[in-house]
Amino acid sequence: DAEGLAGLEKPLMLVAGSADDVSEYDAI
């Protein structure tokens, strides 16, 4: 959830395909 994700303090790069239907792009 938002609270848990806010606990990540390491620099982050996310990579995704806009048509991802497994992890789902909107969720990424």
mmCIF file of all heavy atoms, coordinates in Angstrom:
data_MODEL
# 
_entry.id   MODEL 
# 
loop_
_atom_site.group_PDB 
_atom_site.id 
_atom_site.type_symbol 
_atom_site.label_atom_id 
_atom_site.label_alt_id 
_atom_site.label_comp_id 
_atom_site.label_asym_id 
_atom_site.label_entity_id 
_atom_site.label_seq_id 
_atom_site.pdbx_PDB_ins_code 
_atom_site.Cartn_x 
_atom_site.Cartn_y 
_atom_site.Cartn_z 
_atom_site.occupancy 
_atom_site.B_iso_or_equiv 
_atom_site.pdbx_formal_charge 
_atom_site.auth_seq_id 
_atom_site.auth_comp_id 
_atom_site.auth_asym_id 
_atom_site.auth_atom_id 
_atom_site.pdbx_PDB_model_num 
ATOM 1   N N   . ASP A 1 1  ? 0.868  -1.170  0.000   1.00 0.00 ? 1  ASP A N   1 
ATOM 2   C CA  . ASP A 1 1  ? 0.000  0.000   0.000   1.00 0.00 ? 1  ASP A CA  1 
ATOM 3   C C   . ASP A 1 1  ? 0.914  1.231   0.000   1.00 0.00 ? 1  ASP A C   1 
ATOM 4   O O   . ASP A 1 1  ? 2.151  1.112   -0.014  1.00 0.00 ? 1  ASP A O   1 
ATOM 5   C CB  . ASP A 1 1  ? -0.959 -0.002  1.188   1.00 0.00 ? 1  ASP A CB  1 
ATOM 6   C CG  . ASP A 1 1  ? -0.254 -0.144  2.534   1.00 0.00 ? 1  ASP A CG  1 
ATOM 7   O OD1 . ASP A 1 1  ? 0.944  0.206   2.644   1.00 0.00 ? 1  ASP A OD1 1 
ATOM 8   O OD2 . ASP A 1 1  ? -0.905 -0.611  3.492   1.00 0.00 ? 1  ASP A OD2 1 
ATOM 9   N N   . ALA A 1 2  ? 0.307  2.406   0.011   1.00 0.00 ? 2  ALA A N   1 
ATOM 10  C CA  . ALA A 1 2  ? 1.094  3.633   -0.083  1.00 0.00 ? 2  ALA A CA  1 
ATOM 11  C C   . ALA A 1 2  ? 2.061  3.764   1.090   1.00 0.00 ? 2  ALA A C   1 
ATOM 12  O O   . ALA A 1 2  ? 3.209  4.210   0.925   1.00 0.00 ? 2  ALA A O   1 
ATOM 13  C CB  . ALA A 1 2  ? 0.164  4.847   -0.156  1.00 0.00 ? 2  ALA A CB  1 
ATOM 14  N N   . GLU A 1 3  ? 1.631  3.383   2.267   1.00 0.00 ? 3  GLU A N   1 
ATOM 15  C CA  . GLU A 1 3  ? 2.494  3.506   3.444   1.00 0.00 ? 3  GLU A CA  1 
ATOM 16  C C   . GLU A 1 3  ? 3.723  2.611   3.321   1.00 0.00 ? 3  GLU A C   1 
ATOM 17  O O   . GLU A 1 3  ? 4.850  3.026   3.617   1.00 0.00 ? 3  GLU A O   1 
ATOM 18  C CB  . GLU A 1 3  ? 1.708  3.153   4.698   1.00 0.00 ? 3  GLU A CB  1 
ATOM 19  C CG  . GLU A 1 3  ? 2.515  3.287   5.983   1.00 0.00 ? 3  GLU A CG  1 
ATOM 20  C CD  . GLU A 1 3  ? 1.710  2.956   7.228   1.00 0.00 ? 3  GLU A CD  1 
ATOM 21  O OE1 . GLU A 1 3  ? 0.513  2.615   7.094   1.00 0.00 ? 3  GLU A OE1 1 
ATOM 22  O OE2 . GLU A 1 3  ? 2.279  3.029   8.332   1.00 0.00 ? 3  GLU A OE2 1 
ATOM 23  N N   . GLY A 1 4  ? 3.516  1.373   2.891   1.00 0.00 ? 4  GLY A N   1 
ATOM 24  C CA  . GLY A 1 4  ? 4.642  0.459   2.739   1.00 0.00 ? 4  GLY A CA  1 
ATOM 25  C C   . GLY A 1 4  ? 5.618  0.903   1.673   1.00 0.00 ? 4  GLY A C   1 
ATOM 26  O O   . GLY A 1 4  ? 6.839  0.836   1.852   1.00 0.00 ? 4  GLY A O   1 
ATOM 27  N N   . LEU A 1 5  ? 5.104  1.358   0.541   1.00 0.00 ? 5  LEU A N   1 
ATOM 28  C CA  . LEU A 1 5  ? 5.975  1.810   -0.542  1.00 0.00 ? 5  LEU A CA  1 
ATOM 29  C C   . LEU A 1 5  ? 6.756  3.053   -0.151  1.00 0.00 ? 5  LEU A C   1 
ATOM 30  O O   . LEU A 1 5  ? 7.902  3.241   -0.592  1.00 0.00 ? 5  LEU A O   1 
ATOM 31  C CB  . LEU A 1 5  ? 5.154  2.068   -1.806  1.00 0.00 ? 5  LEU A CB  1 
ATOM 32  C CG  . LEU A 1 5  ? 4.644  0.810   -2.505  1.00 0.00 ? 5  LEU A CG  1 
ATOM 33  C CD1 . LEU A 1 5  ? 3.633  1.171   -3.600  1.00 0.00 ? 5  LEU A CD1 1 
ATOM 34  C CD2 . LEU A 1 5  ? 5.806  0.010   -3.116  1.00 0.00 ? 5  LEU A CD2 1 
ATOM 35  N N   . ALA A 1 6  ? 6.175  3.895   0.680   1.00 0.00 ? 6  ALA A N   1 
ATOM 36  C CA  . ALA A 1 6  ? 6.888  5.093   1.127   1.00 0.00 ? 6  ALA A CA  1 
ATOM 37  C C   . ALA A 1 6  ? 8.110  4.753   1.976   1.00 0.00 ? 6  ALA A C   1 
ATOM 38  O O   . ALA A 1 6  ? 9.004  5.581   2.156   1.00 0.00 ? 6  ALA A O   1 
ATOM 39  C CB  . ALA A 1 6  ? 5.943  5.999   1.912   1.00 0.00 ? 6  ALA A CB  1 
ATOM 40  N N   . GLY A 1 7  ? 8.181  3.512   2.463   1.00 0.00 ? 7  GLY A N   1 
ATOM 41  C CA  . GLY A 1 7  ? 9.327  3.097   3.257   1.00 0.00 ? 7  GLY A CA  1 
ATOM 42  C C   . GLY A 1 7  ? 10.572 2.816   2.443   1.00 0.00 ? 7  GLY A C   1 
ATOM 43  O O   . GLY A 1 7  ? 11.659 2.639   3.010   1.00 0.00 ? 7  GLY A O   1 
ATOM 44  N N   . LEU A 1 8  ? 10.439 2.767   1.129   1.00 0.00 ? 8  LEU A N   1 
ATOM 45  C CA  . LEU A 1 8  ? 11.610 2.553   0.285   1.00 0.00 ? 8  LEU A CA  1 
ATOM 46  C C   . LEU A 1 8  ? 12.354 3.877   0.139   1.00 0.00 ? 8  LEU A C   1 
ATOM 47  O O   . LEU A 1 8  ? 11.804 4.839   -0.404  1.00 0.00 ? 8  LEU A O   1 
ATOM 48  C CB  . LEU A 1 8  ? 11.200 2.000   -1.086  1.00 0.00 ? 8  LEU A CB  1 
ATOM 49  C CG  . LEU A 1 8  ? 12.341 1.451   -1.948  1.00 0.00 ? 8  LEU A CG  1 
ATOM 50  C CD1 . LEU A 1 8  ? 11.816 0.364   -2.879  1.00 0.00 ? 8  LEU A CD1 1 
ATOM 51  C CD2 . LEU A 1 8  ? 12.999 2.537   -2.783  1.00 0.00 ? 8  LEU A CD2 1 
ATOM 52  N N   . GLU A 1 9  ? 13.586 3.914   0.614   1.00 0.00 ? 9  GLU A N   1 
ATOM 53  C CA  . GLU A 1 9  ? 14.362 5.151   0.587   1.00 0.00 ? 9  GLU A CA  1 
ATOM 54  C C   . GLU A 1 9  ? 15.591 5.044   -0.298  1.00 0.00 ? 9  GLU A C   1 
ATOM 55  O O   . GLU A 1 9  ? 16.374 5.993   -0.389  1.00 0.00 ? 9  GLU A O   1 
ATOM 56  C CB  . GLU A 1 9  ? 14.747 5.540   2.014   1.00 0.00 ? 9  GLU A CB  1 
ATOM 57  C CG  . GLU A 1 9  ? 13.534 5.834   2.890   1.00 0.00 ? 9  GLU A CG  1 
ATOM 58  C CD  . GLU A 1 9  ? 13.894 6.212   4.306   1.00 0.00 ? 9  GLU A CD  1 
ATOM 59  O OE1 . GLU A 1 9  ? 15.088 6.070   4.675   1.00 0.00 ? 9  GLU A OE1 1 
ATOM 60  O OE2 . GLU A 1 9  ? 13.000 6.671   5.049   1.00 0.00 ? 9  GLU A OE2 1 
ATOM 61  N N   . LYS A 1 10 ? 15.800 3.904   -0.963  1.00 0.00 ? 10 LYS A N   1 
ATOM 62  C CA  . LYS A 1 10 ? 16.913 3.765   -1.907  1.00 0.00 ? 10 LYS A CA  1 
ATOM 63  C C   . LYS A 1 10 ? 16.539 4.432   -3.227  1.00 0.00 ? 10 LYS A C   1 
ATOM 64  O O   . LYS A 1 10 ? 15.370 4.369   -3.645  1.00 0.00 ? 10 LYS A O   1 
ATOM 65  C CB  . LYS A 1 10 ? 17.203 2.286   -2.183  1.00 0.00 ? 10 LYS A CB  1 
ATOM 66  C CG  . LYS A 1 10 ? 17.197 1.376   -0.978  1.00 0.00 ? 10 LYS A CG  1 
ATOM 67  C CD  . LYS A 1 10 ? 18.437 1.499   -0.153  1.00 0.00 ? 10 LYS A CD  1 
ATOM 68  C CE  . LYS A 1 10 ? 18.479 0.426   0.933   1.00 0.00 ? 10 LYS A CE  1 
ATOM 69  N NZ  . LYS A 1 10 ? 19.666 0.565   1.799   1.00 0.00 ? 10 LYS A NZ  1 
ATOM 70  N N   . PRO A 1 11 ? 17.482 5.060   -3.918  1.00 0.00 ? 11 PRO A N   1 
ATOM 71  C CA  . PRO A 1 11 ? 17.197 5.530   -5.273  1.00 0.00 ? 11 PRO A CA  1 
ATOM 72  C C   . PRO A 1 11 ? 16.631 4.384   -6.115  1.00 0.00 ? 11 PRO A C   1 
ATOM 73  O O   . PRO A 1 11 ? 17.135 3.256   -6.063  1.00 0.00 ? 11 PRO A O   1 
ATOM 74  C CB  . PRO A 1 11 ? 18.562 5.988   -5.783  1.00 0.00 ? 11 PRO A CB  1 
ATOM 75  C CG  . PRO A 1 11 ? 19.314 6.362   -4.540  1.00 0.00 ? 11 PRO A CG  1 
ATOM 76  C CD  . PRO A 1 11 ? 18.855 5.375   -3.496  1.00 0.00 ? 11 PRO A CD  1 
ATOM 77  N N   . LEU A 1 12 ? 15.594 4.675   -6.893  1.00 0.00 ? 12 LEU A N   1 
ATOM 78  C CA  . LEU A 1 12 ? 14.821 3.633   -7.575  1.00 0.00 ? 12 LEU A CA  1 
ATOM 79  C C   . LEU A 1 12 ? 14.650 3.959   -9.046  1.00 0.00 ? 12 LEU A C   1 
ATOM 80  O O   . LEU A 1 12 ? 14.340 5.103   -9.400  1.00 0.00 ? 12 LEU A O   1 
ATOM 81  C CB  . LEU A 1 12 ? 13.446 3.509   -6.917  1.00 0.00 ? 12 LEU A CB  1 
ATOM 82  C CG  . LEU A 1 12 ? 12.413 2.604   -7.586  1.00 0.00 ? 12 LEU A CG  1 
ATOM 83  C CD1 . LEU A 1 12 ? 12.847 1.139   -7.550  1.00 0.00 ? 12 LEU A CD1 1 
ATOM 84  C CD2 . LEU A 1 12 ? 11.045 2.772   -6.912  1.00 0.00 ? 12 LEU A CD2 1 
ATOM 85  N N   . MET A 1 13 ? 14.853 2.948   -9.900  1.00 0.00 ? 13 MET A N   1 
ATOM 86  C CA  . MET A 1 13 ? 14.457 3.047   -11.294 1.00 0.00 ? 13 MET A CA  1 
ATOM 87  C C   . MET A 1 13 ? 13.501 1.909   -11.605 1.00 0.00 ? 13 MET A C   1 
ATOM 88  O O   . MET A 1 13 ? 13.831 0.738   -11.403 1.00 0.00 ? 13 MET A O   1 
ATOM 89  C CB  . MET A 1 13 ? 15.641 3.000   -12.261 1.00 0.00 ? 13 MET A CB  1 
ATOM 90  C CG  . MET A 1 13 ? 15.231 3.239   -13.718 1.00 0.00 ? 13 MET A CG  1 
ATOM 91  S SD  . MET A 1 13 ? 16.606 3.570   -14.840 1.00 0.00 ? 13 MET A SD  1 
ATOM 92  C CE  . MET A 1 13 ? 17.318 1.924   -14.965 1.00 0.00 ? 13 MET A CE  1 
ATOM 93  N N   . LEU A 1 14 ? 12.306 2.261   -12.039 1.00 0.00 ? 14 LEU A N   1 
ATOM 94  C CA  . LEU A 1 14 ? 11.315 1.295   -12.490 1.00 0.00 ? 14 LEU A CA  1 
ATOM 95  C C   . LEU A 1 14 ? 11.355 1.210   -14.002 1.00 0.00 ? 14 LEU A C   1 
ATOM 96  O O   . LEU A 1 14 ? 11.568 2.224   -14.687 1.00 0.00 ? 14 LEU A O   1 
ATOM 97  C CB  . LEU A 1 14 ? 9.923  1.713   -12.030 1.00 0.00 ? 14 LEU A CB  1 
ATOM 98  C CG  . LEU A 1 14 ? 9.677  1.735   -10.519 1.00 0.00 ? 14 LEU A CG  1 
ATOM 99  C CD1 . LEU A 1 14 ? 8.485  2.599   -10.184 1.00 0.00 ? 14 LEU A CD1 1 
ATOM 100 C CD2 . LEU A 1 14 ? 9.483  0.318   -9.997  1.00 0.00 ? 14 LEU A CD2 1 
ATOM 101 N N   . VAL A 1 15 ? 11.140 0.014   -14.525 1.00 0.00 ? 15 VAL A N   1 
ATOM 102 C CA  . VAL A 1 15 ? 11.112 -0.219  -15.969 1.00 0.00 ? 15 VAL A CA  1 
ATOM 103 C C   . VAL A 1 15 ? 9.866  -1.025  -16.278 1.00 0.00 ? 15 VAL A C   1 
ATOM 104 O O   . VAL A 1 15 ? 9.579  -2.016  -15.585 1.00 0.00 ? 15 VAL A O   1 
ATOM 105 C CB  . VAL A 1 15 ? 12.366 -0.979  -16.437 1.00 0.00 ? 15 VAL A CB  1 
ATOM 106 C CG1 . VAL A 1 15 ? 12.338 -1.179  -17.953 1.00 0.00 ? 15 VAL A CG1 1 
ATOM 107 C CG2 . VAL A 1 15 ? 13.646 -0.247  -16.012 1.00 0.00 ? 15 VAL A CG2 1 
ATOM 108 N N   . ALA A 1 16 ? 9.108  -0.624  -17.300 1.00 0.00 ? 16 ALA A N   1 
ATOM 109 C CA  . ALA A 1 16 ? 7.846  -1.309  -17.580 1.00 0.00 ? 16 ALA A CA  1 
ATOM 110 C C   . ALA A 1 16 ? 7.451  -1.148  -19.034 1.00 0.00 ? 16 ALA A C   1 
ATOM 111 O O   . ALA A 1 16 ? 7.870  -0.206  -19.714 1.00 0.00 ? 16 ALA A O   1 
ATOM 112 C CB  . ALA A 1 16 ? 6.735  -0.766  -16.681 1.00 0.00 ? 16 ALA A CB  1 
ATOM 113 N N   . GLY A 1 17 ? 6.611  -2.060  -19.484 1.00 0.00 ? 17 GLY A N   1 
ATOM 114 C CA  . GLY A 1 17 ? 5.923  -1.915  -20.757 1.00 0.00 ? 17 GLY A CA  1 
ATOM 115 C C   . GLY A 1 17 ? 4.515  -1.403  -20.501 1.00 0.00 ? 17 GLY A C   1 
ATOM 116 O O   . GLY A 1 17 ? 3.856  -1.850  -19.550 1.00 0.00 ? 17 GLY A O   1 
ATOM 117 N N   . SER A 1 18 ? 4.041  -0.493  -21.327 1.00 0.00 ? 18 SER A N   1 
ATOM 118 C CA  . SER A 1 18 ? 2.726  0.106   -21.078 1.00 0.00 ? 18 SER A CA  1 
ATOM 119 C C   . SER A 1 18 ? 1.579  -0.871  -21.307 1.00 0.00 ? 18 SER A C   1 
ATOM 120 O O   . SER A 1 18 ? 0.448  -0.602  -20.906 1.00 0.00 ? 18 SER A O   1 
ATOM 121 C CB  . SER A 1 18 ? 2.533  1.340   -21.969 1.00 0.00 ? 18 SER A CB  1 
ATOM 122 O OG  . SER A 1 18 ? 2.415  0.973   -23.341 1.00 0.00 ? 18 SER A OG  1 
ATOM 123 N N   . ALA A 1 19 ? 1.854  -2.018  -21.941 1.00 0.00 ? 19 ALA A N   1 
ATOM 124 C CA  . ALA A 1 19 ? 0.826  -3.028  -22.156 1.00 0.00 ? 19 ALA A CA  1 
ATOM 125 C C   . ALA A 1 19 ? 0.997  -4.239  -21.229 1.00 0.00 ? 19 ALA A C   1 
ATOM 126 O O   . ALA A 1 19 ? 0.404  -5.289  -21.470 1.00 0.00 ? 19 ALA A O   1 
ATOM 127 C CB  . ALA A 1 19 ? 0.840  -3.492  -23.616 1.00 0.00 ? 19 ALA A CB  1 
ATOM 128 N N   . ASP A 1 20 ? 1.785  -4.086  -20.166 1.00 0.00 ? 20 ASP A N   1 
ATOM 129 C CA  . ASP A 1 20 ? 2.023  -5.195  -19.240 1.00 0.00 ? 20 ASP A CA  1 
ATOM 130 C C   . ASP A 1 20 ? 0.694  -5.630  -18.617 1.00 0.00 ? 20 ASP A C   1 
ATOM 131 O O   . ASP A 1 20 ? 0.030  -4.857  -17.919 1.00 0.00 ? 20 ASP A O   1 
ATOM 132 C CB  . ASP A 1 20 ? 2.994  -4.751  -18.138 1.00 0.00 ? 20 ASP A CB  1 
ATOM 133 C CG  . ASP A 1 20 ? 3.485  -5.897  -17.267 1.00 0.00 ? 20 ASP A CG  1 
ATOM 134 O OD1 . ASP A 1 20 ? 2.747  -6.884  -17.091 1.00 0.00 ? 20 ASP A OD1 1 
ATOM 135 O OD2 . ASP A 1 20 ? 4.612  -5.801  -16.753 1.00 0.00 ? 20 ASP A OD2 1 
ATOM 136 N N   . ASP A 1 21 ? 0.314  -6.884  -18.863 1.00 0.00 ? 21 ASP A N   1 
ATOM 137 C CA  . ASP A 1 21 ? -0.927 -7.406  -18.293 1.00 0.00 ? 21 ASP A CA  1 
ATOM 138 C C   . ASP A 1 21 ? -0.658 -8.502  -17.263 1.00 0.00 ? 21 ASP A C   1 
ATOM 139 O O   . ASP A 1 21 ? -1.570 -9.228  -16.870 1.00 0.00 ? 21 ASP A O   1 
ATOM 140 C CB  . ASP A 1 21 ? -1.857 -7.922  -19.398 1.00 0.00 ? 21 ASP A CB  1 
ATOM 141 C CG  . ASP A 1 21 ? -1.225 -9.012  -20.259 1.00 0.00 ? 21 ASP A CG  1 
ATOM 142 O OD1 . ASP A 1 21 ? -0.107 -9.467  -19.942 1.00 0.00 ? 21 ASP A OD1 1 
ATOM 143 O OD2 . ASP A 1 21 ? -1.853 -9.403  -21.272 1.00 0.00 ? 21 ASP A OD2 1 
ATOM 144 N N   . VAL A 1 22 ? 0.581  -8.608  -16.806 1.00 0.00 ? 22 VAL A N   1 
ATOM 145 C CA  . VAL A 1 22 ? 0.940  -9.542  -15.742 1.00 0.00 ? 22 VAL A CA  1 
ATOM 146 C C   . VAL A 1 22 ? 1.106  -8.770  -14.430 1.00 0.00 ? 22 VAL A C   1 
ATOM 147 O O   . VAL A 1 22 ? 0.338  -8.941  -13.482 1.00 0.00 ? 22 VAL A O   1 
ATOM 148 C CB  . VAL A 1 22 ? 2.216  -10.326 -16.088 1.00 0.00 ? 22 VAL A CB  1 
ATOM 149 C CG1 . VAL A 1 22 ? 2.625  -11.235 -14.924 1.00 0.00 ? 22 VAL A CG1 1 
ATOM 150 C CG2 . VAL A 1 22 ? 2.005  -11.150 -17.355 1.00 0.00 ? 22 VAL A CG2 1 
ATOM 151 N N   . SER A 1 23 ? 2.102  -7.907  -14.387 1.00 0.00 ? 23 SER A N   1 
ATOM 152 C CA  . SER A 1 23 ? 2.250  -7.026  -13.227 1.00 0.00 ? 23 SER A CA  1 
ATOM 153 C C   . SER A 1 23 ? 1.336  -5.816  -13.329 1.00 0.00 ? 23 SER A C   1 
ATOM 154 O O   . SER A 1 23 ? 1.106  -5.130  -12.323 1.00 0.00 ? 23 SER A O   1 
ATOM 155 C CB  . SER A 1 23 ? 3.704  -6.567  -13.092 1.00 0.00 ? 23 SER A CB  1 
ATOM 156 O OG  . SER A 1 23 ? 4.561  -7.661  -12.854 1.00 0.00 ? 23 SER A OG  1 
ATOM 157 N N   . GLU A 1 24 ? 0.824  -5.565  -14.504 1.00 0.00 ? 24 GLU A N   1 
ATOM 158 C CA  . GLU A 1 24 ? -0.140 -4.501  -14.820 1.00 0.00 ? 24 GLU A CA  1 
ATOM 159 C C   . GLU A 1 24 ? 0.505  -3.109  -14.727 1.00 0.00 ? 24 GLU A C   1 
ATOM 160 O O   . GLU A 1 24 ? 0.953  -2.695  -13.662 1.00 0.00 ? 24 GLU A O   1 
ATOM 161 C CB  . GLU A 1 24 ? -1.394 -4.593  -13.941 1.00 0.00 ? 24 GLU A CB  1 
ATOM 162 C CG  . GLU A 1 24 ? -2.149 -5.896  -14.147 1.00 0.00 ? 24 GLU A CG  1 
ATOM 163 C CD  . GLU A 1 24 ? -3.438 -5.968  -13.348 1.00 0.00 ? 24 GLU A CD  1 
ATOM 164 O OE1 . GLU A 1 24 ? -3.844 -4.930  -12.770 1.00 0.00 ? 24 GLU A OE1 1 
ATOM 165 O OE2 . GLU A 1 24 ? -4.040 -7.073  -13.300 1.00 0.00 ? 24 GLU A OE2 1 
ATOM 166 N N   . TYR A 1 25 ? 0.518  -2.462  -15.872 1.00 0.00 ? 25 TYR A N   1 
ATOM 167 C CA  . TYR A 1 25 ? 1.204  -1.176  -15.974 1.00 0.00 ? 25 TYR A CA  1 
ATOM 168 C C   . TYR A 1 25 ? 0.630  -0.138  -15.013 1.00 0.00 ? 25 TYR A C   1 
ATOM 169 O O   . TYR A 1 25 ? 1.385  0.611   -14.371 1.00 0.00 ? 25 TYR A O   1 
ATOM 170 C CB  . TYR A 1 25 ? 1.142  -0.667  -17.411 1.00 0.00 ? 25 TYR A CB  1 
ATOM 171 C CG  . TYR A 1 25 ? 1.868  0.642   -17.615 1.00 0.00 ? 25 TYR A CG  1 
ATOM 172 C CD1 . TYR A 1 25 ? 3.248  0.727   -17.438 1.00 0.00 ? 25 TYR A CD1 1 
ATOM 173 C CD2 . TYR A 1 25 ? 1.170  1.796   -17.972 1.00 0.00 ? 25 TYR A CD2 1 
ATOM 174 C CE1 . TYR A 1 25 ? 3.921  1.923   -17.617 1.00 0.00 ? 25 TYR A CE1 1 
ATOM 175 C CE2 . TYR A 1 25 ? 1.849  2.996   -18.165 1.00 0.00 ? 25 TYR A CE2 1 
ATOM 176 C CZ  . TYR A 1 25 ? 3.224  3.055   -17.978 1.00 0.00 ? 25 TYR A CZ  1 
ATOM 177 O OH  . TYR A 1 25 ? 3.890  4.248   -18.162 1.00 0.00 ? 25 TYR A OH  1 
ATOM 178 N N   . ASP A 1 26 ? -0.684 -0.080  -14.866 1.00 0.00 ? 26 ASP A N   1 
ATOM 179 C CA  . ASP A 1 26 ? -1.267 0.895   -13.946 1.00 0.00 ? 26 ASP A CA  1 
ATOM 180 C C   . ASP A 1 26 ? -0.777 0.667   -12.518 1.00 0.00 ? 26 ASP A C   1 
ATOM 181 O O   . ASP A 1 26 ? -0.578 1.622   -11.752 1.00 0.00 ? 26 ASP A O   1 
ATOM 182 C CB  . ASP A 1 26 ? -2.789 0.839   -13.994 1.00 0.00 ? 26 ASP A CB  1 
ATOM 183 C CG  . ASP A 1 26 ? -3.368 1.434   -15.272 1.00 0.00 ? 26 ASP A CG  1 
ATOM 184 O OD1 . ASP A 1 26 ? -2.620 2.118   -16.003 1.00 0.00 ? 26 ASP A OD1 1 
ATOM 185 O OD2 . ASP A 1 26 ? -4.568 1.205   -15.540 1.00 0.00 ? 26 ASP A OD2 1 
ATOM 186 N N   . ALA A 1 27 ? -0.582 -0.595  -12.149 1.00 0.00 ? 27 ALA A N   1 
ATOM 187 C CA  . ALA A 1 27 ? -0.089 -0.898  -10.804 1.00 0.00 ? 27 ALA A CA  1 
ATOM 188 C C   . ALA A 1 27 ? 1.375  -0.488  -10.657 1.00 0.00 ? 27 ALA A C   1 
ATOM 189 O O   . ALA A 1 27 ? 1.790  -0.014  -9.590  1.00 0.00 ? 27 ALA A O   1 
ATOM 190 C CB  . ALA A 1 27 ? -0.257 -2.387  -10.517 1.00 0.00 ? 27 ALA A CB  1 
ATOM 191 N N   . ILE A 1 28 ? 2.163  -0.674  -11.717 1.00 0.00 ? 28 ILE A N   1 
ATOM 192 C CA  . ILE A 1 28 ? 3.567  -0.243  -11.660 1.00 0.00 ? 28 ILE A CA  1 
ATOM 193 C C   . ILE A 1 28 ? 3.635  1.276   -11.534 1.00 0.00 ? 28 ILE A C   1 
ATOM 194 O O   . ILE A 1 28 ? 4.484  1.823   -10.814 1.00 0.00 ? 28 ILE A O   1 
ATOM 195 C CB  . ILE A 1 28 ? 4.324  -0.746  -12.895 1.00 0.00 ? 28 ILE A CB  1 
ATOM 196 C CG1 . ILE A 1 28 ? 4.342  -2.281  -12.914 1.00 0.00 ? 28 ILE A CG1 1 
ATOM 197 C CG2 . ILE A 1 28 ? 5.760  -0.209  -12.916 1.00 0.00 ? 28 ILE A CG2 1 
ATOM 198 C CD1 . ILE A 1 28 ? 4.838  -2.889  -14.201 1.00 0.00 ? 28 ILE A CD1 1 
# 
